[in-house]
Amino acid sequence: EFKRIMRTYITNFYMGIVECQLGKQIDSEILFVVRLYLAGATEAINDWIVGGAKLSIEELNRLLYLGMPEKIRNLVIFNELDAETAKKIARNAYPE
């Protein structure tokens, strides 16, 4: 249950970021790449939590970034979003 909620939240959050960066709805190709990447990222995050968070959060983020496909890497640059937009995306990402 936790993994399902986490995957839904992370997927909704990233898709919100990508749509904001694109200024339009995500096309099917980018949607596929985002979902494929996030399936693996969610598993890695879950393993990190269950395994006692042996890596620092910075190292985990670095590794997740290295594994991110080039096609979406430039679409999820968080520092280009203003704080209010990021907060709104995060609030809207919670699963119903």
N, C-alpha and C. Protein backbone atom coordinates (compact mmCIF):
# COMPACT_ATOMS: atom_id res chain seq x y z
N GLU A 1 0.82 -1.20 0.00
CA GLU A 1 0.00 0.00 0.00
C GLU A 1 0.86 1.26 0.00
N PHE A 2 1.90 1.27 0.85
CA PHE A 2 2.79 2.43 0.91
C PHE A 2 3.45 2.67 -0.44
N LYS A 3 3.96 1.59 -1.06
CA LYS A 3 4.62 1.74 -2.37
C LYS A 3 3.66 2.27 -3.42
N ARG A 4 2.42 1.82 -3.38
CA ARG A 4 1.44 2.30 -4.36
C ARG A 4 1.18 3.80 -4.18
N ILE A 5 1.00 4.22 -2.94
CA ILE A 5 0.76 5.64 -2.67
C ILE A 5 1.98 6.46 -3.05
N MET A 6 3.17 5.97 -2.70
CA MET A 6 4.40 6.68 -3.03
C MET A 6 4.57 6.80 -4.54
N ARG A 7 4.34 5.71 -5.26
CA ARG A 7 4.48 5.74 -6.72
C ARG A 7 3.47 6.71 -7.33
N THR A 8 2.24 6.70 -6.86
CA THR A 8 1.22 7.61 -7.39
C THR A 8 1.61 9.06 -7.13
N TYR A 9 2.05 9.35 -5.89
CA TYR A 9 2.43 10.73 -5.56
C TYR A 9 3.61 11.18 -6.42
N ILE A 10 4.66 10.37 -6.48
CA ILE A 10 5.86 10.75 -7.22
C ILE A 10 5.54 10.92 -8.70
N THR A 11 4.74 10.02 -9.26
CA THR A 11 4.37 10.13 -10.67
C THR A 11 3.57 11.41 -10.91
N ASN A 12 2.57 11.67 -10.08
CA ASN A 12 1.78 12.90 -10.24
C ASN A 12 2.64 14.14 -10.09
N PHE A 13 3.58 14.12 -9.13
CA PHE A 13 4.45 15.26 -8.89
C PHE A 13 5.34 15.53 -10.11
N TYR A 14 6.01 14.49 -10.60
CA TYR A 14 6.89 14.66 -11.76
C TYR A 14 6.10 15.07 -13.00
N MET A 15 4.93 14.49 -13.20
CA MET A 15 4.14 14.86 -14.37
C MET A 15 3.69 16.32 -14.26
N GLY A 16 3.39 16.77 -13.05
CA GLY A 16 3.05 18.18 -12.86
C GLY A 16 4.21 19.09 -13.19
N ILE A 17 5.42 18.71 -12.77
CA ILE A 17 6.62 19.49 -13.08
C ILE A 17 6.83 19.54 -14.59
N VAL A 18 6.76 18.39 -15.25
CA VAL A 18 7.00 18.32 -16.70
C VAL A 18 5.96 19.15 -17.44
N GLU A 19 4.69 19.02 -17.08
CA GLU A 19 3.65 19.81 -17.75
C GLU A 19 3.89 21.30 -17.55
N CYS A 20 4.31 21.68 -16.37
CA CYS A 20 4.61 23.09 -16.09
C CYS A 20 5.76 23.57 -16.97
N GLN A 21 6.80 22.76 -17.09
CA GLN A 21 7.97 23.14 -17.90
C GLN A 21 7.61 23.20 -19.39
N LEU A 22 6.77 22.27 -19.83
CA LEU A 22 6.38 22.25 -21.25
C LEU A 22 5.34 23.32 -21.57
N GLY A 23 4.55 23.68 -20.57
CA GLY A 23 3.46 24.62 -20.81
C GLY A 23 2.28 23.98 -21.51
N LYS A 24 2.24 22.67 -21.52
CA LYS A 24 1.14 21.93 -22.16
C LYS A 24 1.08 20.54 -21.58
N GLN A 25 0.07 19.79 -21.97
CA GLN A 25 -0.08 18.42 -21.51
C GLN A 25 1.04 17.55 -22.08
N ILE A 26 1.45 16.55 -21.33
CA ILE A 26 2.53 15.66 -21.73
C ILE A 26 2.07 14.76 -22.88
N ASP A 27 2.92 14.63 -23.92
CA ASP A 27 2.57 13.72 -25.01
C ASP A 27 2.86 12.29 -24.58
N SER A 28 2.36 11.34 -25.34
CA SER A 28 2.42 9.93 -24.95
C SER A 28 3.85 9.40 -24.84
N GLU A 29 4.75 9.88 -25.66
CA GLU A 29 6.14 9.41 -25.61
C GLU A 29 6.82 9.86 -24.31
N ILE A 30 6.68 11.11 -23.95
CA ILE A 30 7.29 11.61 -22.72
C ILE A 30 6.61 10.96 -21.52
N LEU A 31 5.30 10.79 -21.58
CA LEU A 31 4.57 10.14 -20.50
C LEU A 31 5.11 8.73 -20.26
N PHE A 32 5.36 8.00 -21.32
CA PHE A 32 5.92 6.65 -21.21
C PHE A 32 7.29 6.69 -20.52
N VAL A 33 8.16 7.60 -20.96
CA VAL A 33 9.51 7.70 -20.39
C VAL A 33 9.44 8.08 -18.90
N VAL A 34 8.58 9.05 -18.56
CA VAL A 34 8.43 9.46 -17.16
C VAL A 34 7.96 8.28 -16.31
N ARG A 35 6.93 7.59 -16.77
CA ARG A 35 6.41 6.46 -15.98
C ARG A 35 7.41 5.33 -15.85
N LEU A 36 8.14 5.04 -16.91
CA LEU A 36 9.14 3.98 -16.86
C LEU A 36 10.25 4.35 -15.88
N TYR A 37 10.75 5.57 -15.97
CA TYR A 37 11.80 6.02 -15.04
C TYR A 37 11.30 5.99 -13.60
N LEU A 38 10.10 6.50 -13.37
CA LEU A 38 9.60 6.60 -12.00
C LEU A 38 9.28 5.25 -11.39
N ALA A 39 8.97 4.26 -12.21
CA ALA A 39 8.77 2.90 -11.66
C ALA A 39 10.06 2.43 -11.01
N GLY A 40 11.18 2.62 -11.69
CA GLY A 40 12.47 2.23 -11.12
C GLY A 40 12.89 3.12 -9.97
N ALA A 41 12.65 4.43 -10.10
CA ALA A 41 13.02 5.38 -9.04
C ALA A 41 12.24 5.08 -7.76
N THR A 42 10.97 4.76 -7.89
CA THR A 42 10.15 4.44 -6.73
C THR A 42 10.69 3.20 -6.02
N GLU A 43 11.07 2.19 -6.79
CA GLU A 43 11.66 0.99 -6.19
C GLU A 43 12.96 1.32 -5.46
N ALA A 44 13.79 2.16 -6.08
CA ALA A 44 15.06 2.54 -5.45
C ALA A 44 14.83 3.32 -4.16
N ILE A 45 13.85 4.22 -4.16
CA ILE A 45 13.54 5.00 -2.96
C ILE A 45 13.00 4.07 -1.88
N ASN A 46 12.12 3.16 -2.26
CA ASN A 46 11.58 2.20 -1.29
C ASN A 46 12.70 1.34 -0.70
N ASP A 47 13.60 0.85 -1.55
CA ASP A 47 14.73 0.05 -1.05
C ASP A 47 15.59 0.88 -0.11
N TRP A 48 15.78 2.16 -0.42
CA TRP A 48 16.57 3.06 0.42
C TRP A 48 15.92 3.19 1.80
N ILE A 49 14.59 3.38 1.83
CA ILE A 49 13.87 3.52 3.10
C ILE A 49 13.92 2.22 3.89
N VAL A 50 13.55 1.12 3.25
CA VAL A 50 13.50 -0.19 3.93
C VAL A 50 14.89 -0.63 4.37
N GLY A 51 15.90 -0.28 3.59
CA GLY A 51 17.27 -0.68 3.89
C GLY A 51 17.96 0.18 4.94
N GLY A 52 17.24 1.11 5.52
CA GLY A 52 17.82 1.92 6.59
C GLY A 52 18.53 3.18 6.13
N ALA A 53 18.25 3.62 4.91
CA ALA A 53 18.80 4.88 4.38
C ALA A 53 20.32 4.96 4.58
N LYS A 54 21.01 3.94 4.09
CA LYS A 54 22.48 3.89 4.28
C LYS A 54 23.21 4.96 3.46
N LEU A 55 22.63 5.35 2.34
CA LEU A 55 23.20 6.45 1.55
C LEU A 55 22.65 7.77 2.08
N SER A 56 23.41 8.84 1.91
CA SER A 56 22.87 10.15 2.25
C SER A 56 21.79 10.50 1.22
N ILE A 57 20.91 11.40 1.58
CA ILE A 57 19.86 11.82 0.64
C ILE A 57 20.49 12.47 -0.59
N GLU A 58 21.60 13.16 -0.40
CA GLU A 58 22.30 13.79 -1.53
C GLU A 58 22.83 12.74 -2.50
N GLU A 59 23.39 11.65 -1.95
CA GLU A 59 23.91 10.59 -2.80
C GLU A 59 22.77 9.86 -3.51
N LEU A 60 21.67 9.61 -2.81
CA LEU A 60 20.52 8.99 -3.45
C LEU A 60 20.02 9.85 -4.60
N ASN A 61 19.89 11.15 -4.36
CA ASN A 61 19.44 12.06 -5.42
C ASN A 61 20.41 12.08 -6.60
N ARG A 62 21.70 12.05 -6.31
CA ARG A 62 22.70 12.04 -7.38
C ARG A 62 22.54 10.79 -8.25
N LEU A 63 22.36 9.64 -7.59
CA LEU A 63 22.20 8.40 -8.34
C LEU A 63 20.89 8.37 -9.13
N LEU A 64 19.83 8.88 -8.55
CA LEU A 64 18.56 8.95 -9.27
C LEU A 64 18.69 9.85 -10.49
N TYR A 65 19.41 10.95 -10.34
CA TYR A 65 19.62 11.86 -11.47
C TYR A 65 20.45 11.18 -12.57
N LEU A 66 21.47 10.42 -12.17
CA LEU A 66 22.29 9.71 -13.16
C LEU A 66 21.47 8.70 -13.95
N GLY A 67 20.48 8.10 -13.30
CA GLY A 67 19.65 7.10 -13.97
C GLY A 67 18.52 7.69 -14.79
N MET A 68 18.35 9.00 -14.73
CA MET A 68 17.24 9.65 -15.43
C MET A 68 17.53 9.73 -16.93
N PRO A 69 16.58 9.32 -17.77
CA PRO A 69 16.77 9.40 -19.22
C PRO A 69 16.96 10.85 -19.67
N GLU A 70 17.83 11.03 -20.65
CA GLU A 70 18.11 12.37 -21.19
C GLU A 70 16.83 13.07 -21.66
N LYS A 71 15.90 12.29 -22.20
CA LYS A 71 14.67 12.87 -22.77
C LYS A 71 13.87 13.67 -21.74
N ILE A 72 13.98 13.31 -20.46
CA ILE A 72 13.21 14.04 -19.45
C ILE A 72 14.08 14.84 -18.49
N ARG A 73 15.38 14.64 -18.55
CA ARG A 73 16.28 15.27 -17.58
C ARG A 73 16.11 16.79 -17.55
N ASN A 74 16.04 17.43 -18.70
CA ASN A 74 15.92 18.89 -18.72
C ASN A 74 14.51 19.37 -18.39
N LEU A 75 13.56 18.46 -18.29
CA LEU A 75 12.18 18.85 -17.98
C LEU A 75 11.87 18.82 -16.49
N VAL A 76 12.78 18.28 -15.69
CA VAL A 76 12.51 18.17 -14.25
C VAL A 76 13.53 18.96 -13.43
N ILE A 77 13.96 20.07 -13.96
CA ILE A 77 14.90 20.94 -13.25
C ILE A 77 14.08 21.79 -12.29
N PHE A 78 14.11 21.40 -11.01
CA PHE A 78 13.26 22.03 -10.01
C PHE A 78 13.64 23.47 -9.71
N ASN A 79 14.92 23.81 -9.82
CA ASN A 79 15.32 25.17 -9.45
C ASN A 79 14.80 26.22 -10.41
N GLU A 80 14.24 25.82 -11.54
CA GLU A 80 13.65 26.78 -12.46
C GLU A 80 12.20 27.10 -12.12
N LEU A 81 11.63 26.40 -11.15
CA LEU A 81 10.25 26.67 -10.73
C LEU A 81 10.27 27.60 -9.53
N ASP A 82 9.32 28.52 -9.49
CA ASP A 82 9.23 29.34 -8.28
C ASP A 82 8.60 28.50 -7.16
N ALA A 83 8.83 28.92 -5.94
CA ALA A 83 8.41 28.14 -4.77
C ALA A 83 6.91 27.91 -4.74
N GLU A 84 6.12 28.89 -5.08
CA GLU A 84 4.67 28.74 -5.04
C GLU A 84 4.18 27.71 -6.05
N THR A 85 4.75 27.73 -7.24
CA THR A 85 4.36 26.75 -8.26
C THR A 85 4.73 25.34 -7.80
N ALA A 86 5.92 25.17 -7.25
CA ALA A 86 6.35 23.86 -6.76
C ALA A 86 5.44 23.37 -5.64
N LYS A 87 5.05 24.25 -4.73
CA LYS A 87 4.14 23.87 -3.64
C LYS A 87 2.79 23.45 -4.19
N LYS A 88 2.28 24.19 -5.17
CA LYS A 88 0.98 23.85 -5.75
C LYS A 88 1.03 22.48 -6.43
N ILE A 89 2.09 22.21 -7.17
CA ILE A 89 2.26 20.91 -7.82
C ILE A 89 2.32 19.80 -6.77
N ALA A 90 3.07 20.04 -5.71
CA ALA A 90 3.20 19.04 -4.64
C ALA A 90 1.86 18.77 -3.97
N ARG A 91 1.08 19.81 -3.70
CA ARG A 91 -0.25 19.62 -3.07
C ARG A 91 -1.18 18.85 -4.00
N ASN A 92 -1.13 19.13 -5.28
CA ASN A 92 -2.02 18.47 -6.23
C ASN A 92 -1.60 17.04 -6.54
N ALA A 93 -0.40 16.66 -6.15
CA ALA A 93 0.09 15.32 -6.46
C ALA A 93 -0.42 14.23 -5.55
N TYR A 94 -0.96 14.62 -4.38
CA TYR A 94 -1.43 13.60 -3.45
C TYR A 94 -2.58 12.80 -4.05
N PRO A 95 -2.49 11.47 -3.96
CA PRO A 95 -3.57 10.64 -4.50
C PRO A 95 -4.86 10.82 -3.70
N GLU A 96 -5.95 10.70 -4.38
CA GLU A 96 -7.27 10.84 -3.75
C GLU A 96 -7.55 9.65 -2.86
